[in-house]
């Protein structure tokens, strides 16, 4: 196995990855709070996690991957005040305030999230644990913390005492002495320290029974409980967006390390934001772009994935439809080129070695993508060998380069090809209504689309 360097947020430097078990890697990715559709900023985290997984698999590691589903406990402020996001969703959609309704709405948006992953060609994890299925596990961790005197009870819940964990804030080197109530955290006179956080929140009307009273677990304790249950403690890698560093991930670290006396994870990796007009994209603000919205603008999910690959995961990128359309046009050229090459070649070793060096250097996908275009322009290599090499690259890219149908004899505009690709995805998902709508859109633009055993055929009317 080749050496793999990854940037560890904990040490704030690139490190040589050393697995807990030889030839295996355990990864936990902070999943969505399923109270609404995921937006494309959320989805960057899962494309990043997928590239990380594919890179390890490319290097012959066995991957055990967990993406949690938060379907209770995540408050709208991301701290300890305000309304539970799932409760907010129930009110928004005029649902009964009950655990059953909460479960139903969580199941609906969980399904939509999985659909998004499939459209982006993101591999499914070994398990999607749901917070509501692990309330007992969360209670167990809180009881351990209480027994060790890290927890205390107030009128609105059970809290973790951060003053008893001197290393609090070590992830990202967060200076907690500068935190004041009313800034990062809201004013709560019963909290011993401004940075203390809820392990359990009381709710007389909705929730589960616990040793402390009816209510629900805190957002942070759920991740500690689920990651430990499925990966053990410590595990290899924990990922998420950079917005998780100051609060959520430092809270996970504090409660897990205090409860069990060991590190939670050996490596922490975080992707940067996608911005719009240089402001963070956030669905809590009420305005966000979904994959479906991209499709309506004739941008395919794979086009969006390609755009993400052209920037390093730790670099912020500013979204615009123009930028993503440009990336999609490049992907279409790449797909068309690969599909025109004959099969039967062999990967070119010199390119394979360079590709491995790029991806194993903290997932340097921009360099890897540039290498693919360099290969295409290489007149000294056969087209068959180029195809075999690019298909090898695609084990990490995840762009489905080896399943592209042969291009039609006549030129088809890029936007029509994108619509045709989106229709194929809809058909695979058995979304016949969407597939029919896309067919009608293609026909309204002066083209026909026919399904054949060898793939789709698009022709100008």
Protein backbone atom coordinates (compact mmCIF):
# COMPACT_ATOMS: atom_id res chain seq x y z
CA UNK A 1 0.00 0.00 0.00
CA UNK A 2 1.22 3.46 -0.91
CA UNK A 3 1.72 6.20 1.66
CA UNK A 4 -1.28 8.51 2.00
CA UNK A 5 -0.91 12.02 3.38
CA UNK A 6 -4.01 13.74 4.79
CA UNK A 7 -4.50 17.11 6.46
CA UNK A 8 -5.44 16.63 10.12
CA UNK A 9 -7.43 19.55 11.53
CA UNK A 10 -6.38 18.42 15.01
CA UNK A 11 -2.65 18.93 14.37
CA UNK A 12 -3.21 21.59 11.68
CA UNK A 13 -0.79 19.87 9.30
CA UNK A 14 -0.57 17.09 6.75
CA UNK A 15 0.24 13.72 8.28
CA UNK A 16 1.05 10.25 7.06
CA UNK A 17 -2.06 8.15 7.55
CA UNK A 18 -1.49 5.25 9.93
CA UNK A 19 -4.54 2.99 10.33
CA UNK A 20 -5.56 1.45 13.60
CA UNK A 21 -5.82 -1.89 11.80
CA UNK A 22 -3.50 -2.75 8.94
CA UNK A 23 -5.27 -2.58 5.58
CA UNK A 24 -8.48 -1.13 7.06
CA UNK A 25 -9.86 2.35 7.60
CA UNK A 26 -12.85 3.37 9.73
CA UNK A 27 -14.59 6.64 8.85
CA UNK A 28 -17.47 8.59 10.39
CA UNK A 29 -19.09 11.42 8.45
CA UNK A 30 -21.47 13.89 10.08
CA UNK A 31 -24.71 13.30 8.21
CA UNK A 32 -27.65 15.60 7.53
CA UNK A 33 -30.37 16.78 9.84
CA UNK A 34 -33.32 15.48 7.83
CA UNK A 35 -35.75 18.34 8.30
CA UNK A 36 -35.52 19.63 4.71
CA UNK A 37 -33.91 18.91 1.35
CA UNK A 38 -30.11 18.96 1.25
CA UNK A 39 -28.59 21.88 -0.63
CA UNK A 40 -25.52 21.68 -2.83
CA UNK A 41 -23.36 23.19 -0.08
CA UNK A 42 -24.32 20.32 2.24
CA UNK A 43 -23.61 17.82 -0.51
CA UNK A 44 -20.01 18.95 -0.96
CA UNK A 45 -19.22 17.19 2.33
CA UNK A 46 -20.42 13.86 0.95
CA UNK A 47 -18.65 14.19 -2.39
CA UNK A 48 -15.50 14.90 -0.37
CA UNK A 49 -16.16 11.87 1.86
CA UNK A 50 -16.76 9.73 -1.24
CA UNK A 51 -13.48 10.82 -2.82
CA UNK A 52 -11.73 10.02 0.46
CA UNK A 53 -13.31 6.56 0.53
CA UNK A 54 -12.50 5.92 -3.14
CA UNK A 55 -8.89 6.98 -2.58
CA UNK A 56 -8.48 4.45 0.21
CA UNK A 57 -10.16 1.74 -1.85
CA UNK A 58 -7.95 2.62 -4.82
CA UNK A 59 -5.03 1.91 -2.47
CA UNK A 60 -6.57 -1.47 -1.54
CA UNK A 61 -7.88 -0.53 1.90
CA UNK A 62 -11.05 -2.09 3.26
CA UNK A 63 -13.31 0.79 4.29
CA UNK A 64 -15.90 0.76 7.09
CA UNK A 65 -17.92 3.93 6.54
CA UNK A 66 -20.72 5.43 8.65
CA UNK A 67 -22.91 8.43 7.79
CA UNK A 68 -25.28 9.29 10.62
CA UNK A 69 -28.80 10.67 10.19
CA UNK A 70 -29.88 13.32 12.69
CA UNK A 71 -33.66 13.06 13.03
CA UNK A 72 -33.98 14.68 16.48
CA UNK A 73 -31.94 16.85 18.82
CA UNK A 74 -30.40 19.41 16.45
CA UNK A 75 -31.56 22.85 17.56
CA UNK A 76 -31.89 25.66 15.01
CA UNK A 77 -29.04 27.70 16.54
CA UNK A 78 -26.56 24.77 16.38
CA UNK A 79 -26.08 25.32 20.13
CA UNK A 80 -28.51 24.72 23.01
CA UNK A 81 -31.30 27.23 22.50
CA UNK A 82 -34.22 27.55 20.14
CA UNK A 83 -36.41 24.96 18.50
CA UNK A 84 -35.50 21.44 17.46
CA UNK A 85 -35.13 21.42 13.68
CA UNK A 86 -37.34 18.36 13.31
CA UNK A 87 -40.07 20.03 15.38
CA UNK A 88 -39.72 23.09 13.18
CA UNK A 89 -40.24 20.89 10.12
CA UNK A 90 -43.41 19.36 11.62
CA UNK A 91 -44.87 22.82 12.17
CA UNK A 92 -43.81 24.01 8.72
CA UNK A 93 -45.63 21.09 7.09
CA UNK A 94 -48.62 21.17 9.44
CA UNK A 95 -47.88 17.74 10.91
CA UNK A 96 -48.93 16.49 14.32
CA UNK A 97 -46.31 17.10 17.01
CA UNK A 98 -45.56 13.46 17.79
CA UNK A 99 -42.64 11.08 17.63
CA UNK A 100 -44.42 9.12 14.92
CA UNK A 101 -44.82 12.21 12.73
CA UNK A 102 -41.21 13.19 13.40
CA UNK A 103 -40.10 9.74 12.31
CA UNK A 104 -42.20 9.98 9.14
CA UNK A 105 -40.87 13.36 8.11
CA UNK A 106 -37.32 12.24 8.86
CA UNK A 107 -37.82 9.14 6.71
CA UNK A 108 -39.09 11.28 3.83
CA UNK A 109 -36.11 13.66 3.79
CA UNK A 110 -33.68 10.81 4.50
CA UNK A 111 -34.97 9.17 1.31
CA UNK A 112 -34.45 12.39 -0.63
CA UNK A 113 -30.91 12.63 0.74
CA UNK A 114 -30.12 9.09 -0.40
CA UNK A 115 -31.53 9.95 -3.84
CA UNK A 116 -29.12 12.90 -4.00
CA UNK A 117 -26.18 10.63 -3.12
CA UNK A 118 -27.15 8.21 -5.87
CA UNK A 119 -27.42 10.96 -8.46
CA UNK A 120 -23.97 12.20 -7.47
CA UNK A 121 -22.63 8.63 -7.79
CA UNK A 122 -21.63 8.62 -4.12
CA UNK A 123 -21.12 5.13 -2.72
CA UNK A 124 -23.48 4.09 0.05
CA UNK A 125 -21.92 3.74 3.53
CA UNK A 126 -21.93 0.51 5.47
CA UNK A 127 -24.70 1.95 7.62
CA UNK A 128 -26.88 5.05 8.01
CA UNK A 129 -27.61 5.03 11.79
CA UNK A 130 -30.53 7.23 12.82
CA UNK A 131 -30.43 9.19 16.06
CA UNK A 132 -33.96 8.14 17.01
CA UNK A 133 -32.86 4.50 16.90
CA UNK A 134 -30.01 5.18 19.32
CA UNK A 135 -31.56 7.19 22.14
CA UNK A 136 -30.68 4.43 24.63
CA UNK A 137 -27.05 4.56 23.47
CA UNK A 138 -27.00 8.34 23.99
CA UNK A 139 -28.45 7.94 27.50
CA UNK A 140 -25.75 5.39 28.30
CA UNK A 141 -22.96 7.84 27.41
CA UNK A 142 -24.59 10.61 29.47
CA UNK A 143 -24.82 8.28 32.46
CA UNK A 144 -21.09 7.57 32.20
CA UNK A 145 -20.38 11.31 32.11
CA UNK A 146 -22.66 11.90 35.08
CA UNK A 147 -20.95 9.16 37.09
CA UNK A 148 -17.58 10.78 36.37
CA UNK A 149 -18.94 14.22 37.42
CA UNK A 150 -18.67 15.82 33.98
CA UNK A 151 -22.45 16.40 33.76
CA UNK A 152 -24.83 18.57 35.76
CA UNK A 153 -28.58 19.14 35.71
CA UNK A 154 -30.37 22.48 35.18
CA UNK A 155 -34.04 23.34 34.80
CA UNK A 156 -33.94 22.77 31.04
CA UNK A 157 -31.59 19.82 30.66
CA UNK A 158 -28.36 18.01 31.45
CA UNK A 159 -25.15 19.86 30.55
CA UNK A 160 -21.49 19.01 30.04
CA UNK A 161 -19.07 21.01 32.19
CA UNK A 162 -16.34 22.12 29.77
CA UNK A 163 -14.20 23.54 32.59
CA UNK A 164 -13.40 19.96 33.59
CA UNK A 165 -11.85 19.22 30.18
CA UNK A 166 -8.77 21.51 29.90
CA UNK A 167 -8.23 20.54 26.26
CA UNK A 168 -11.67 21.85 25.22
CA UNK A 169 -11.37 23.72 21.92
CA UNK A 170 -8.22 21.90 20.80
CA UNK A 171 -9.75 21.11 17.41
CA UNK A 172 -9.09 24.21 15.38
CA UNK A 173 -7.36 25.82 18.39
CA UNK A 174 -10.59 27.56 19.48
CA UNK A 175 -9.86 30.12 22.27
CA UNK A 176 -12.79 29.46 24.60
CA UNK A 177 -11.64 32.10 27.08
CA UNK A 178 -12.81 34.68 24.56
CA UNK A 179 -16.30 33.22 24.31
CA UNK A 180 -18.97 35.30 25.97
CA UNK A 181 -22.66 34.63 26.38
CA UNK A 182 -24.67 36.33 23.70
CA UNK A 183 -22.05 35.65 20.98
CA UNK A 184 -21.37 31.99 20.23
CA UNK A 185 -23.74 30.92 22.97
CA UNK A 186 -26.95 32.48 24.20
CA UNK A 187 -27.44 33.66 27.75
CA UNK A 188 -28.32 30.90 30.21
CA UNK A 189 -27.71 31.85 33.83
CA UNK A 190 -27.81 28.21 34.96
CA UNK A 191 -24.83 27.19 32.84
CA UNK A 192 -21.57 27.05 34.75
CA UNK A 193 -19.54 28.15 31.71
CA UNK A 194 -20.58 29.86 28.45
CA UNK A 195 -19.15 26.93 26.43
CA UNK A 196 -21.06 24.23 28.36
CA UNK A 197 -23.44 22.32 26.10
CA UNK A 198 -26.56 20.18 26.42
CA UNK A 199 -26.34 16.42 26.67
CA UNK A 200 -30.10 16.06 27.22
CA UNK A 201 -32.91 18.61 26.76
CA UNK A 202 -36.15 18.40 28.73
CA UNK A 203 -39.48 18.41 26.89
CA UNK A 204 -42.63 17.47 28.75
CA UNK A 205 -44.72 17.09 25.60
CA UNK A 206 -42.40 15.34 23.13
CA UNK A 207 -39.52 12.94 23.54
CA UNK A 208 -38.29 9.89 25.42
CA UNK A 209 -38.09 8.91 29.07
CA UNK A 210 -34.66 9.20 30.68
CA UNK A 211 -33.22 9.07 34.20
CA UNK A 212 -33.39 12.88 34.25
CA UNK A 213 -36.85 13.43 32.76
CA UNK A 214 -38.72 13.33 29.46
CA UNK A 215 -36.98 14.90 26.51
CA UNK A 216 -34.42 14.20 23.80
CA UNK A 217 -30.63 13.83 23.46
CA UNK A 218 -28.41 16.70 22.45
CA UNK A 219 -27.16 16.82 18.88
CA UNK A 220 -23.54 16.25 19.91
CA UNK A 221 -24.07 13.24 22.17
CA UNK A 222 -25.85 11.39 19.37
CA UNK A 223 -22.73 11.38 17.20
CA UNK A 224 -20.51 10.22 20.05
CA UNK A 225 -22.91 7.36 20.79
CA UNK A 226 -23.39 6.24 17.18
CA UNK A 227 -19.74 6.48 16.11
CA UNK A 228 -18.63 4.46 19.14
CA UNK A 229 -21.32 1.83 18.58
CA UNK A 230 -20.38 1.15 14.95
CA UNK A 231 -16.68 1.99 14.77
CA UNK A 232 -15.39 1.71 18.32
CA UNK A 233 -13.27 4.35 20.04
CA UNK A 234 -10.94 5.53 18.78
CA UNK A 235 -11.63 5.14 15.08
CA UNK A 236 -9.52 6.40 12.18
CA UNK A 237 -11.12 9.42 10.51
CA UNK A 238 -13.95 11.83 11.34
CA UNK A 239 -15.08 14.29 8.65
CA UNK A 240 -17.49 17.18 8.23
CA UNK A 241 -17.78 20.76 7.05
CA UNK A 242 -15.58 23.44 8.62
CA UNK A 243 -18.68 24.88 10.32
CA UNK A 244 -18.66 21.83 12.62
CA UNK A 245 -15.21 22.59 14.04
CA UNK A 246 -15.91 25.31 16.67
CA UNK A 247 -18.92 23.73 18.37
CA UNK A 248 -20.16 20.33 17.24
CA UNK A 249 -16.87 18.51 16.78
CA UNK A 250 -15.17 20.03 19.83
CA UNK A 251 -18.20 18.96 21.86
CA UNK A 252 -18.00 15.43 20.47
CA UNK A 253 -14.33 15.26 21.40
CA UNK A 254 -14.90 16.57 24.94
CA UNK A 255 -17.73 14.22 25.89
CA UNK A 256 -16.27 11.12 24.22
CA UNK A 257 -12.76 11.53 25.62
CA UNK A 258 -14.04 12.31 29.11
CA UNK A 259 -16.46 9.38 29.07
CA UNK A 260 -14.05 6.72 27.85
CA UNK A 261 -10.53 8.07 28.39
CA UNK A 262 -9.31 7.71 24.80
CA UNK A 263 -9.27 9.82 21.64
CA UNK A 264 -12.49 9.82 19.66
CA UNK A 265 -10.76 9.79 16.26
CA UNK A 266 -7.12 9.92 15.20
CA UNK A 267 -7.67 12.19 12.20
CA UNK A 268 -10.17 15.00 11.63
CA UNK A 269 -10.79 16.26 8.09
CA UNK A 270 -13.00 19.17 7.06
CA UNK A 271 -14.15 20.56 3.74
CA UNK A 272 -14.52 24.29 3.09
CA UNK A 273 -17.75 26.10 2.28
CA UNK A 274 -19.47 26.67 -1.00
CA UNK A 275 -20.43 30.32 -1.06
CA UNK A 276 -22.92 32.35 -3.07
CA UNK A 277 -21.92 35.94 -3.68
CA UNK A 278 -19.19 35.17 -1.13
CA UNK A 279 -21.69 34.34 1.62
CA UNK A 280 -22.15 30.85 3.12
CA UNK A 281 -24.94 28.82 1.55
CA UNK A 282 -27.29 27.72 4.36
CA UNK A 283 -30.74 26.16 4.25
CA UNK A 284 -31.51 27.48 7.73
CA UNK A 285 -31.54 30.94 6.14
CA UNK A 286 -34.34 29.82 3.83
CA UNK A 287 -32.54 30.22 0.50
CA UNK A 288 -30.56 27.39 -1.02
CA UNK A 289 -30.00 25.46 -4.24
CA UNK A 290 -30.83 21.76 -4.50
CA UNK A 291 -29.74 19.18 -7.07
CA UNK A 292 -33.23 19.35 -8.51
CA UNK A 293 -32.80 23.10 -9.00
CA UNK A 294 -29.56 22.41 -10.88
CA UNK A 295 -31.34 19.92 -13.13
CA UNK A 296 -33.99 22.53 -13.90
CA UNK A 297 -31.11 24.72 -15.10
CA UNK A 298 -29.88 21.86 -17.34
CA UNK A 299 -26.99 21.01 -15.01
CA UNK A 300 -26.60 17.33 -14.20
CA UNK A 301 -25.47 16.06 -10.77
CA UNK A 302 -22.34 14.61 -12.38
CA UNK A 303 -21.63 18.03 -13.86
CA UNK A 304 -21.78 19.44 -10.35
CA UNK A 305 -19.53 16.63 -9.05
CA UNK A 306 -16.95 17.41 -11.75
CA UNK A 307 -17.03 21.10 -10.74
CA UNK A 308 -16.25 20.12 -7.14
CA UNK A 309 -13.31 17.99 -8.30
CA UNK A 310 -11.70 21.03 -9.91
CA UNK A 311 -11.18 22.65 -6.50
CA UNK A 312 -9.33 21.24 -3.49
CA UNK A 313 -11.70 20.13 -0.73
CA UNK A 314 -10.07 22.55 1.73
CA UNK A 315 -10.52 25.52 -0.61
CA UNK A 316 -13.73 27.60 -0.53
CA UNK A 317 -15.48 27.90 -3.90
CA UNK A 318 -17.99 30.52 -4.97
CA UNK A 319 -21.00 29.05 -6.76
CA UNK A 320 -22.42 30.46 -9.94
CA UNK A 321 -24.50 28.74 -12.60
CA UNK A 322 -22.04 29.98 -15.20
CA UNK A 323 -19.08 28.35 -13.45
CA UNK A 324 -20.82 24.99 -13.04
CA UNK A 325 -22.08 25.03 -16.64
CA UNK A 326 -18.50 25.60 -17.77
CA UNK A 327 -17.36 22.60 -15.71
CA UNK A 328 -20.20 20.52 -17.10
CA UNK A 329 -19.21 21.35 -20.66
CA UNK A 330 -15.69 20.17 -19.84
CA UNK A 331 -17.13 16.93 -18.42
CA UNK A 332 -19.18 16.40 -21.57
CA UNK A 333 -16.02 16.79 -23.67
CA UNK A 334 -14.24 14.31 -21.38
CA UNK A 335 -17.09 11.79 -21.60
CA UNK A 336 -17.37 12.15 -25.36
CA UNK A 337 -13.61 11.66 -25.76
CA UNK A 338 -13.52 8.56 -23.57
CA UNK A 339 -16.50 7.02 -25.35
CA UNK A 340 -14.78 7.55 -28.71
CA UNK A 341 -11.69 5.60 -27.66
CA UNK A 342 -11.57 1.85 -28.39
CA UNK A 343 -11.46 -0.71 -25.60
CA UNK A 344 -8.78 -3.34 -25.11
CA UNK A 345 -5.91 -1.13 -23.97
CA UNK A 346 -3.80 -1.21 -20.79
CA UNK A 347 -3.31 1.52 -18.18
CA UNK A 348 -0.21 3.61 -18.81
CA UNK A 349 2.03 3.08 -15.79
CA UNK A 350 3.68 6.51 -15.80
CA UNK A 351 0.29 8.22 -15.64
CA UNK A 352 -1.02 5.79 -13.03
CA UNK A 353 1.95 6.58 -10.78
CA UNK A 354 1.45 10.33 -11.13
CA UNK A 355 -2.27 9.98 -10.48
CA UNK A 356 -1.60 7.98 -7.32
CA UNK A 357 0.87 10.59 -6.13
CA UNK A 358 -1.72 13.36 -6.56
CA UNK A 359 -4.66 11.66 -4.87
CA UNK A 360 -2.47 10.37 -2.04
CA UNK A 361 -1.27 13.90 -1.35
CA UNK A 362 -4.31 15.04 0.66
CA UNK A 363 -6.72 14.32 -2.22
CA UNK A 364 -5.25 16.74 -4.75
CA UNK A 365 -8.10 16.31 -7.21
CA UNK A 366 -7.44 19.48 -9.25
CA UNK A 367 -4.03 18.07 -10.21
CA UNK A 368 -5.58 14.67 -10.90
CA UNK A 369 -8.21 16.21 -13.21
CA UNK A 370 -5.53 18.25 -14.99
CA UNK A 371 -3.57 15.02 -15.48
CA UNK A 372 -6.55 13.45 -17.26
CA UNK A 373 -6.59 16.29 -19.80
CA UNK A 374 -2.81 16.06 -20.18
CA UNK A 375 -3.21 12.38 -21.02
CA UNK A 376 -5.87 13.09 -23.63
CA UNK A 377 -3.46 15.48 -25.40
CA UNK A 378 -0.58 12.97 -25.26
CA UNK A 379 0.01 11.97 -28.89
CA UNK A 380 2.57 9.35 -27.90
CA UNK A 381 -0.04 7.09 -26.26
CA UNK A 382 -2.64 4.95 -28.02
CA UNK A 383 -6.31 5.81 -27.66
CA UNK A 384 -7.05 2.36 -26.25
CA UNK A 385 -4.41 2.80 -23.53
CA UNK A 386 -5.73 6.29 -22.81
CA UNK A 387 -9.21 4.88 -22.28
CA UNK A 388 -7.94 2.16 -19.94
CA UNK A 389 -5.98 4.74 -17.94
CA UNK A 390 -8.89 7.19 -17.68
CA UNK A 391 -11.22 4.41 -16.57
CA UNK A 392 -8.68 3.64 -13.84
CA UNK A 393 -8.70 7.31 -12.80
CA UNK A 394 -12.48 7.18 -12.68
CA UNK A 395 -12.38 4.70 -9.82
CA UNK A 396 -11.67 7.83 -7.75
CA UNK A 397 -13.34 10.52 -9.90
CA UNK A 398 -16.66 8.66 -9.83
CA UNK A 399 -17.85 10.25 -13.09
CA UNK A 400 -19.06 7.05 -14.79
CA UNK A 401 -16.62 7.46 -17.66
CA UNK A 402 -16.72 3.75 -18.48
CA UNK A 403 -20.50 3.68 -18.94
CA UNK A 404 -20.91 6.51 -21.42
CA UNK A 405 -22.85 5.46 -24.54
CA UNK A 406 -21.25 6.06 -27.91
CA UNK A 407 -21.86 9.59 -29.13
CA UNK A 408 -24.40 10.08 -31.95
CA UNK A 409 -23.07 10.56 -35.45
CA UNK A 410 -24.40 14.11 -35.64
CA UNK A 411 -23.48 16.87 -33.22
CA UNK A 412 -25.84 17.25 -30.30
CA UNK A 413 -25.65 20.47 -28.25
CA UNK A 414 -24.24 20.09 -24.76
CA UNK A 415 -27.45 21.19 -23.05
CA UNK A 416 -29.43 18.48 -24.90
CA UNK A 417 -26.89 15.84 -23.87
CA UNK A 418 -27.26 16.97 -20.26
CA UNK A 419 -31.05 16.70 -20.44
CA UNK A 420 -30.71 13.22 -21.96
CA UNK A 421 -28.33 12.19 -19.16
CA UNK A 422 -30.74 13.53 -16.53
CA UNK A 423 -33.56 11.53 -18.14
CA UNK A 424 -31.46 8.37 -17.95
CA UNK A 425 -30.86 8.96 -14.24
CA UNK A 426 -34.59 9.48 -13.70
CA UNK A 427 -35.35 6.22 -15.51
CA UNK A 428 -32.83 4.35 -13.37
CA UNK A 429 -34.56 5.69 -10.27
CA UNK A 430 -37.94 4.75 -11.80
CA UNK A 431 -39.05 8.39 -11.64
CA UNK A 432 -41.18 8.05 -14.76
CA UNK A 433 -42.91 11.40 -14.32
CA UNK A 434 -39.59 13.23 -14.31
CA UNK A 435 -38.29 11.14 -17.24
CA UNK A 436 -41.37 12.00 -19.32
CA UNK A 437 -41.02 15.68 -18.46
CA UNK A 438 -37.38 15.66 -19.58
CA UNK A 439 -38.33 13.89 -22.82
CA UNK A 440 -40.89 16.60 -23.51
CA UNK A 441 -38.29 19.27 -22.79
CA UNK A 442 -35.86 17.65 -25.24
CA UNK A 443 -38.55 17.46 -27.91
CA UNK A 444 -39.55 21.07 -27.33
CA UNK A 445 -35.99 22.04 -28.23
CA UNK A 446 -36.15 20.23 -31.56
CA UNK A 447 -34.68 16.81 -30.80
CA UNK A 448 -35.96 13.27 -30.37
CA UNK A 449 -34.67 10.70 -27.91
CA UNK A 450 -34.99 6.93 -28.42
CA UNK A 451 -34.01 4.08 -26.11
CA UNK A 452 -32.09 1.21 -27.71
CA UNK A 453 -30.27 -1.85 -26.31
CA UNK A 454 -26.98 -0.03 -26.97
CA UNK A 455 -28.05 3.12 -25.14
CA UNK A 456 -29.97 6.27 -25.95
CA UNK A 457 -30.02 7.84 -29.40
CA UNK A 458 -30.64 11.57 -29.71
CA UNK A 459 -31.43 13.07 -33.10
CA UNK A 460 -32.40 16.47 -34.37
CA UNK A 461 -35.98 16.63 -35.64
